[in-house]
Amino acid sequence: MVTRDANGKFIKGQSGNPAGRPKKEREERFYEVAITAVSFTDWREIIEKAVAQAKRGDPTARKFLADYLMGLPTNKVEVTGAEGKDMTINLKWADE
């Protein structure tokens, strides 16, 4: 049961979907293929090779390791009007 406040909003720390999104069959099948095809020993060798290549200056190996170790960076974009001034946004409903 999800707890809400007097206004019907979720209480901080409470999930609106405690079970999470169910896994899709296709994702599960791809995961099974990957997990059975690549042993821990294989993966260790792949990572060690990438580390050696990155140390030699290979930018692709550096990116591969950084993406796995730190995750992809987030891009923040600030949108402004002409010459950095405020922007007006008008919304119109499709059924109007």
N, C-alpha and C. Protein backbone atom coordinates (compact mmCIF):
# COMPACT_ATOMS: atom_id res chain seq x y z
N MET A 1 0.84 -1.18 0.00
CA MET A 1 0.00 0.00 0.00
C MET A 1 0.88 1.24 0.00
N VAL A 2 0.57 2.18 -0.89
CA VAL A 2 1.33 3.41 -1.01
C VAL A 2 0.67 4.48 -0.15
N THR A 3 1.47 5.17 0.66
CA THR A 3 0.95 6.20 1.54
C THR A 3 1.02 7.56 0.85
N ARG A 4 -0.07 8.32 0.97
CA ARG A 4 -0.13 9.65 0.38
C ARG A 4 -0.45 10.67 1.47
N ASP A 5 -0.13 11.94 1.21
CA ASP A 5 -0.45 13.00 2.16
C ASP A 5 -1.90 13.45 1.97
N ALA A 6 -2.32 14.49 2.70
CA ALA A 6 -3.70 14.97 2.65
C ALA A 6 -4.08 15.49 1.26
N ASN A 7 -3.10 15.92 0.47
CA ASN A 7 -3.36 16.42 -0.88
C ASN A 7 -3.31 15.32 -1.94
N GLY A 8 -3.07 14.09 -1.52
CA GLY A 8 -3.02 12.98 -2.47
C GLY A 8 -1.66 12.76 -3.10
N LYS A 9 -0.65 13.52 -2.66
CA LYS A 9 0.69 13.37 -3.22
C LYS A 9 1.43 12.26 -2.48
N PHE A 10 2.38 11.63 -3.19
CA PHE A 10 3.17 10.59 -2.55
C PHE A 10 4.03 11.20 -1.45
N ILE A 11 4.14 10.51 -0.35
CA ILE A 11 4.99 10.96 0.75
C ILE A 11 6.44 10.67 0.37
N LYS A 12 7.33 11.60 0.70
CA LYS A 12 8.75 11.44 0.36
C LYS A 12 9.26 10.09 0.84
N GLY A 13 9.94 9.39 -0.03
CA GLY A 13 10.47 8.08 0.28
C GLY A 13 9.54 6.94 -0.08
N GLN A 14 8.33 7.27 -0.51
CA GLN A 14 7.35 6.26 -0.90
C GLN A 14 7.28 6.20 -2.42
N SER A 15 7.36 5.04 -2.98
CA SER A 15 7.30 4.86 -4.43
C SER A 15 5.86 4.71 -4.88
N GLY A 16 5.56 5.29 -6.04
CA GLY A 16 4.24 5.10 -6.63
C GLY A 16 4.12 3.75 -7.29
N ASN A 17 5.25 3.07 -7.48
CA ASN A 17 5.26 1.75 -8.09
C ASN A 17 6.30 0.91 -7.36
N PRO A 18 5.98 0.44 -6.14
CA PRO A 18 6.98 -0.26 -5.34
C PRO A 18 7.55 -1.51 -5.98
N ALA A 19 6.81 -2.16 -6.85
CA ALA A 19 7.32 -3.37 -7.50
C ALA A 19 8.25 -3.03 -8.66
N GLY A 20 8.24 -1.78 -9.10
CA GLY A 20 9.07 -1.38 -10.23
C GLY A 20 8.47 -1.81 -11.56
N ARG A 21 9.09 -1.37 -12.64
CA ARG A 21 8.61 -1.74 -13.96
C ARG A 21 8.92 -3.21 -14.20
N PRO A 22 7.95 -3.99 -14.64
CA PRO A 22 8.26 -5.40 -14.91
C PRO A 22 9.23 -5.53 -16.07
N LYS A 23 10.13 -6.50 -15.98
CA LYS A 23 11.09 -6.73 -17.06
C LYS A 23 10.36 -7.23 -18.29
N LYS A 24 10.85 -6.80 -19.40
CA LYS A 24 10.25 -7.26 -20.65
C LYS A 24 10.91 -8.57 -21.05
N GLU A 25 10.13 -9.41 -21.68
CA GLU A 25 10.62 -10.72 -22.08
C GLU A 25 11.87 -10.60 -22.95
N ARG A 26 11.86 -9.65 -23.89
CA ARG A 26 13.01 -9.49 -24.79
C ARG A 26 14.27 -9.15 -24.00
N GLU A 27 14.17 -8.23 -23.02
CA GLU A 27 15.32 -7.87 -22.20
C GLU A 27 15.85 -9.09 -21.44
N GLU A 28 14.93 -9.87 -20.89
CA GLU A 28 15.33 -11.05 -20.15
C GLU A 28 16.05 -12.06 -21.04
N ARG A 29 15.57 -12.21 -22.27
CA ARG A 29 16.21 -13.15 -23.19
C ARG A 29 17.62 -12.69 -23.57
N PHE A 30 17.79 -11.39 -23.85
CA PHE A 30 19.12 -10.86 -24.18
C PHE A 30 20.06 -11.00 -22.99
N TYR A 31 19.54 -10.74 -21.79
CA TYR A 31 20.35 -10.88 -20.59
C TYR A 31 20.82 -12.32 -20.42
N GLU A 32 19.92 -13.27 -20.62
CA GLU A 32 20.28 -14.69 -20.50
C GLU A 32 21.38 -15.07 -21.49
N VAL A 33 21.27 -14.59 -22.72
CA VAL A 33 22.30 -14.88 -23.73
C VAL A 33 23.63 -14.31 -23.28
N ALA A 34 23.62 -13.06 -22.83
CA ALA A 34 24.87 -12.41 -22.42
C ALA A 34 25.49 -13.11 -21.22
N ILE A 35 24.68 -13.43 -20.23
CA ILE A 35 25.21 -14.01 -19.00
C ILE A 35 25.75 -15.42 -19.22
N THR A 36 25.18 -16.15 -20.16
CA THR A 36 25.68 -17.51 -20.42
C THR A 36 26.85 -17.51 -21.40
N ALA A 37 26.97 -16.47 -22.22
CA ALA A 37 28.04 -16.44 -23.22
C ALA A 37 29.35 -15.89 -22.68
N VAL A 38 29.28 -15.03 -21.66
CA VAL A 38 30.48 -14.37 -21.15
C VAL A 38 30.68 -14.78 -19.70
N SER A 39 31.74 -15.54 -19.45
CA SER A 39 32.04 -15.95 -18.08
C SER A 39 32.72 -14.79 -17.34
N PHE A 40 32.83 -14.93 -16.02
CA PHE A 40 33.54 -13.91 -15.25
C PHE A 40 35.00 -13.82 -15.69
N THR A 41 35.59 -14.96 -16.02
CA THR A 41 36.97 -14.98 -16.50
C THR A 41 37.08 -14.23 -17.82
N ASP A 42 36.12 -14.47 -18.74
CA ASP A 42 36.10 -13.74 -20.01
C ASP A 42 36.00 -12.24 -19.77
N TRP A 43 35.06 -11.86 -18.91
CA TRP A 43 34.83 -10.44 -18.65
C TRP A 43 36.06 -9.78 -18.03
N ARG A 44 36.72 -10.50 -17.12
CA ARG A 44 37.95 -9.97 -16.51
C ARG A 44 39.00 -9.73 -17.58
N GLU A 45 39.16 -10.67 -18.51
CA GLU A 45 40.15 -10.52 -19.59
C GLU A 45 39.79 -9.33 -20.48
N ILE A 46 38.50 -9.15 -20.75
CA ILE A 46 38.06 -8.02 -21.59
C ILE A 46 38.39 -6.71 -20.89
N ILE A 47 38.09 -6.63 -19.60
CA ILE A 47 38.35 -5.40 -18.85
C ILE A 47 39.85 -5.14 -18.75
N GLU A 48 40.64 -6.18 -18.49
CA GLU A 48 42.09 -6.01 -18.40
C GLU A 48 42.67 -5.52 -19.73
N LYS A 49 42.16 -6.04 -20.84
CA LYS A 49 42.60 -5.61 -22.17
C LYS A 49 42.23 -4.14 -22.39
N ALA A 50 41.01 -3.76 -21.99
CA ALA A 50 40.58 -2.37 -22.14
C ALA A 50 41.44 -1.43 -21.29
N VAL A 51 41.80 -1.86 -20.09
CA VAL A 51 42.67 -1.05 -19.22
C VAL A 51 44.03 -0.86 -19.88
N ALA A 52 44.59 -1.94 -20.41
CA ALA A 52 45.90 -1.84 -21.08
C ALA A 52 45.82 -0.89 -22.28
N GLN A 53 44.75 -1.01 -23.07
CA GLN A 53 44.59 -0.14 -24.24
C GLN A 53 44.41 1.31 -23.81
N ALA A 54 43.62 1.53 -22.76
CA ALA A 54 43.40 2.90 -22.26
C ALA A 54 44.70 3.52 -21.78
N LYS A 55 45.53 2.72 -21.11
CA LYS A 55 46.82 3.23 -20.63
C LYS A 55 47.74 3.60 -21.78
N ARG A 56 47.57 2.93 -22.92
CA ARG A 56 48.38 3.26 -24.11
C ARG A 56 47.80 4.46 -24.87
N GLY A 57 46.68 4.99 -24.39
CA GLY A 57 46.11 6.18 -25.00
C GLY A 57 44.93 5.96 -25.91
N ASP A 58 44.38 4.75 -25.93
CA ASP A 58 43.25 4.46 -26.81
C ASP A 58 41.99 5.15 -26.26
N PRO A 59 41.46 6.16 -26.99
CA PRO A 59 40.30 6.90 -26.48
C PRO A 59 39.02 6.04 -26.40
N THR A 60 38.88 5.07 -27.29
CA THR A 60 37.70 4.21 -27.26
C THR A 60 37.70 3.35 -26.00
N ALA A 61 38.86 2.84 -25.64
CA ALA A 61 38.98 2.02 -24.42
C ALA A 61 38.73 2.88 -23.18
N ARG A 62 39.24 4.12 -23.19
CA ARG A 62 39.01 5.02 -22.06
C ARG A 62 37.52 5.30 -21.90
N LYS A 63 36.83 5.56 -23.01
CA LYS A 63 35.39 5.85 -22.96
C LYS A 63 34.62 4.62 -22.48
N PHE A 64 34.97 3.45 -23.00
CA PHE A 64 34.32 2.20 -22.59
C PHE A 64 34.42 2.03 -21.08
N LEU A 65 35.61 2.19 -20.53
CA LEU A 65 35.81 2.01 -19.09
C LEU A 65 35.09 3.10 -18.30
N ALA A 66 35.18 4.33 -18.74
CA ALA A 66 34.52 5.43 -18.03
C ALA A 66 33.01 5.24 -18.01
N ASP A 67 32.45 4.83 -19.15
CA ASP A 67 31.00 4.62 -19.22
C ASP A 67 30.55 3.53 -18.25
N TYR A 68 31.33 2.47 -18.13
CA TYR A 68 30.96 1.38 -17.23
C TYR A 68 31.22 1.73 -15.77
N LEU A 69 32.30 2.44 -15.51
CA LEU A 69 32.67 2.73 -14.13
C LEU A 69 31.94 3.92 -13.53
N MET A 70 31.71 4.96 -14.35
CA MET A 70 31.12 6.18 -13.82
C MET A 70 29.75 6.48 -14.40
N GLY A 71 29.36 5.78 -15.44
CA GLY A 71 28.08 6.07 -16.09
C GLY A 71 28.23 7.22 -17.07
N LEU A 72 27.24 7.36 -17.92
CA LEU A 72 27.28 8.43 -18.91
C LEU A 72 26.99 9.76 -18.23
N PRO A 73 27.69 10.82 -18.65
CA PRO A 73 27.42 12.13 -18.04
C PRO A 73 26.04 12.64 -18.45
N THR A 74 25.43 13.44 -17.58
CA THR A 74 24.15 14.03 -17.92
C THR A 74 24.39 15.38 -18.57
N ASN A 75 23.57 15.71 -19.54
CA ASN A 75 23.66 16.99 -20.21
C ASN A 75 22.57 17.89 -19.67
N LYS A 76 22.95 19.08 -19.25
CA LYS A 76 21.98 20.05 -18.80
C LYS A 76 21.94 21.17 -19.82
N VAL A 77 20.74 21.52 -20.23
CA VAL A 77 20.56 22.55 -21.24
C VAL A 77 19.63 23.61 -20.69
N GLU A 78 20.06 24.86 -20.75
CA GLU A 78 19.21 25.96 -20.34
C GLU A 78 18.63 26.58 -21.60
N VAL A 79 17.33 26.72 -21.61
CA VAL A 79 16.65 27.27 -22.78
C VAL A 79 16.15 28.66 -22.41
N THR A 80 16.52 29.62 -23.23
CA THR A 80 16.06 30.99 -23.01
C THR A 80 15.52 31.55 -24.31
N GLY A 81 14.88 32.70 -24.20
CA GLY A 81 14.36 33.39 -25.38
C GLY A 81 15.49 34.11 -26.10
N ALA A 82 15.10 34.95 -27.05
CA ALA A 82 16.06 35.71 -27.84
C ALA A 82 16.94 36.56 -26.93
N GLU A 83 18.23 36.55 -27.19
CA GLU A 83 19.23 37.32 -26.45
C GLU A 83 19.22 37.02 -24.96
N GLY A 84 18.87 35.79 -24.61
CA GLY A 84 18.91 35.36 -23.22
C GLY A 84 17.76 35.83 -22.36
N LYS A 85 16.76 36.45 -22.98
CA LYS A 85 15.61 36.96 -22.22
C LYS A 85 14.64 35.82 -21.92
N ASP A 86 13.66 36.12 -21.05
CA ASP A 86 12.64 35.13 -20.72
C ASP A 86 11.89 34.68 -21.96
N MET A 87 11.37 33.48 -21.90
CA MET A 87 10.65 32.90 -23.02
C MET A 87 9.21 32.65 -22.60
N THR A 88 8.28 32.90 -23.49
CA THR A 88 6.87 32.61 -23.24
C THR A 88 6.50 31.35 -24.00
N ILE A 89 5.85 30.44 -23.30
CA ILE A 89 5.41 29.19 -23.92
C ILE A 89 3.90 29.12 -23.80
N ASN A 90 3.23 28.99 -24.93
CA ASN A 90 1.77 28.86 -24.95
C ASN A 90 1.41 27.41 -25.26
N LEU A 91 0.59 26.82 -24.43
CA LEU A 91 0.16 25.44 -24.63
C LEU A 91 -1.26 25.42 -25.16
N LYS A 92 -1.50 24.55 -26.10
CA LYS A 92 -2.84 24.40 -26.66
C LYS A 92 -3.19 22.91 -26.63
N TRP A 93 -4.33 22.58 -26.10
CA TRP A 93 -4.77 21.20 -26.05
C TRP A 93 -5.24 20.76 -27.41
N ALA A 94 -4.98 19.52 -27.77
CA ALA A 94 -5.31 19.00 -29.09
C ALA A 94 -6.82 19.00 -29.35
N ASP A 95 -7.64 18.91 -28.32
CA ASP A 95 -9.09 18.85 -28.55
C ASP A 95 -9.74 20.23 -28.57
N GLU A 96 -8.95 21.29 -28.51
CA GLU A 96 -9.52 22.65 -28.55
C GLU A 96 -9.71 23.09 -29.98
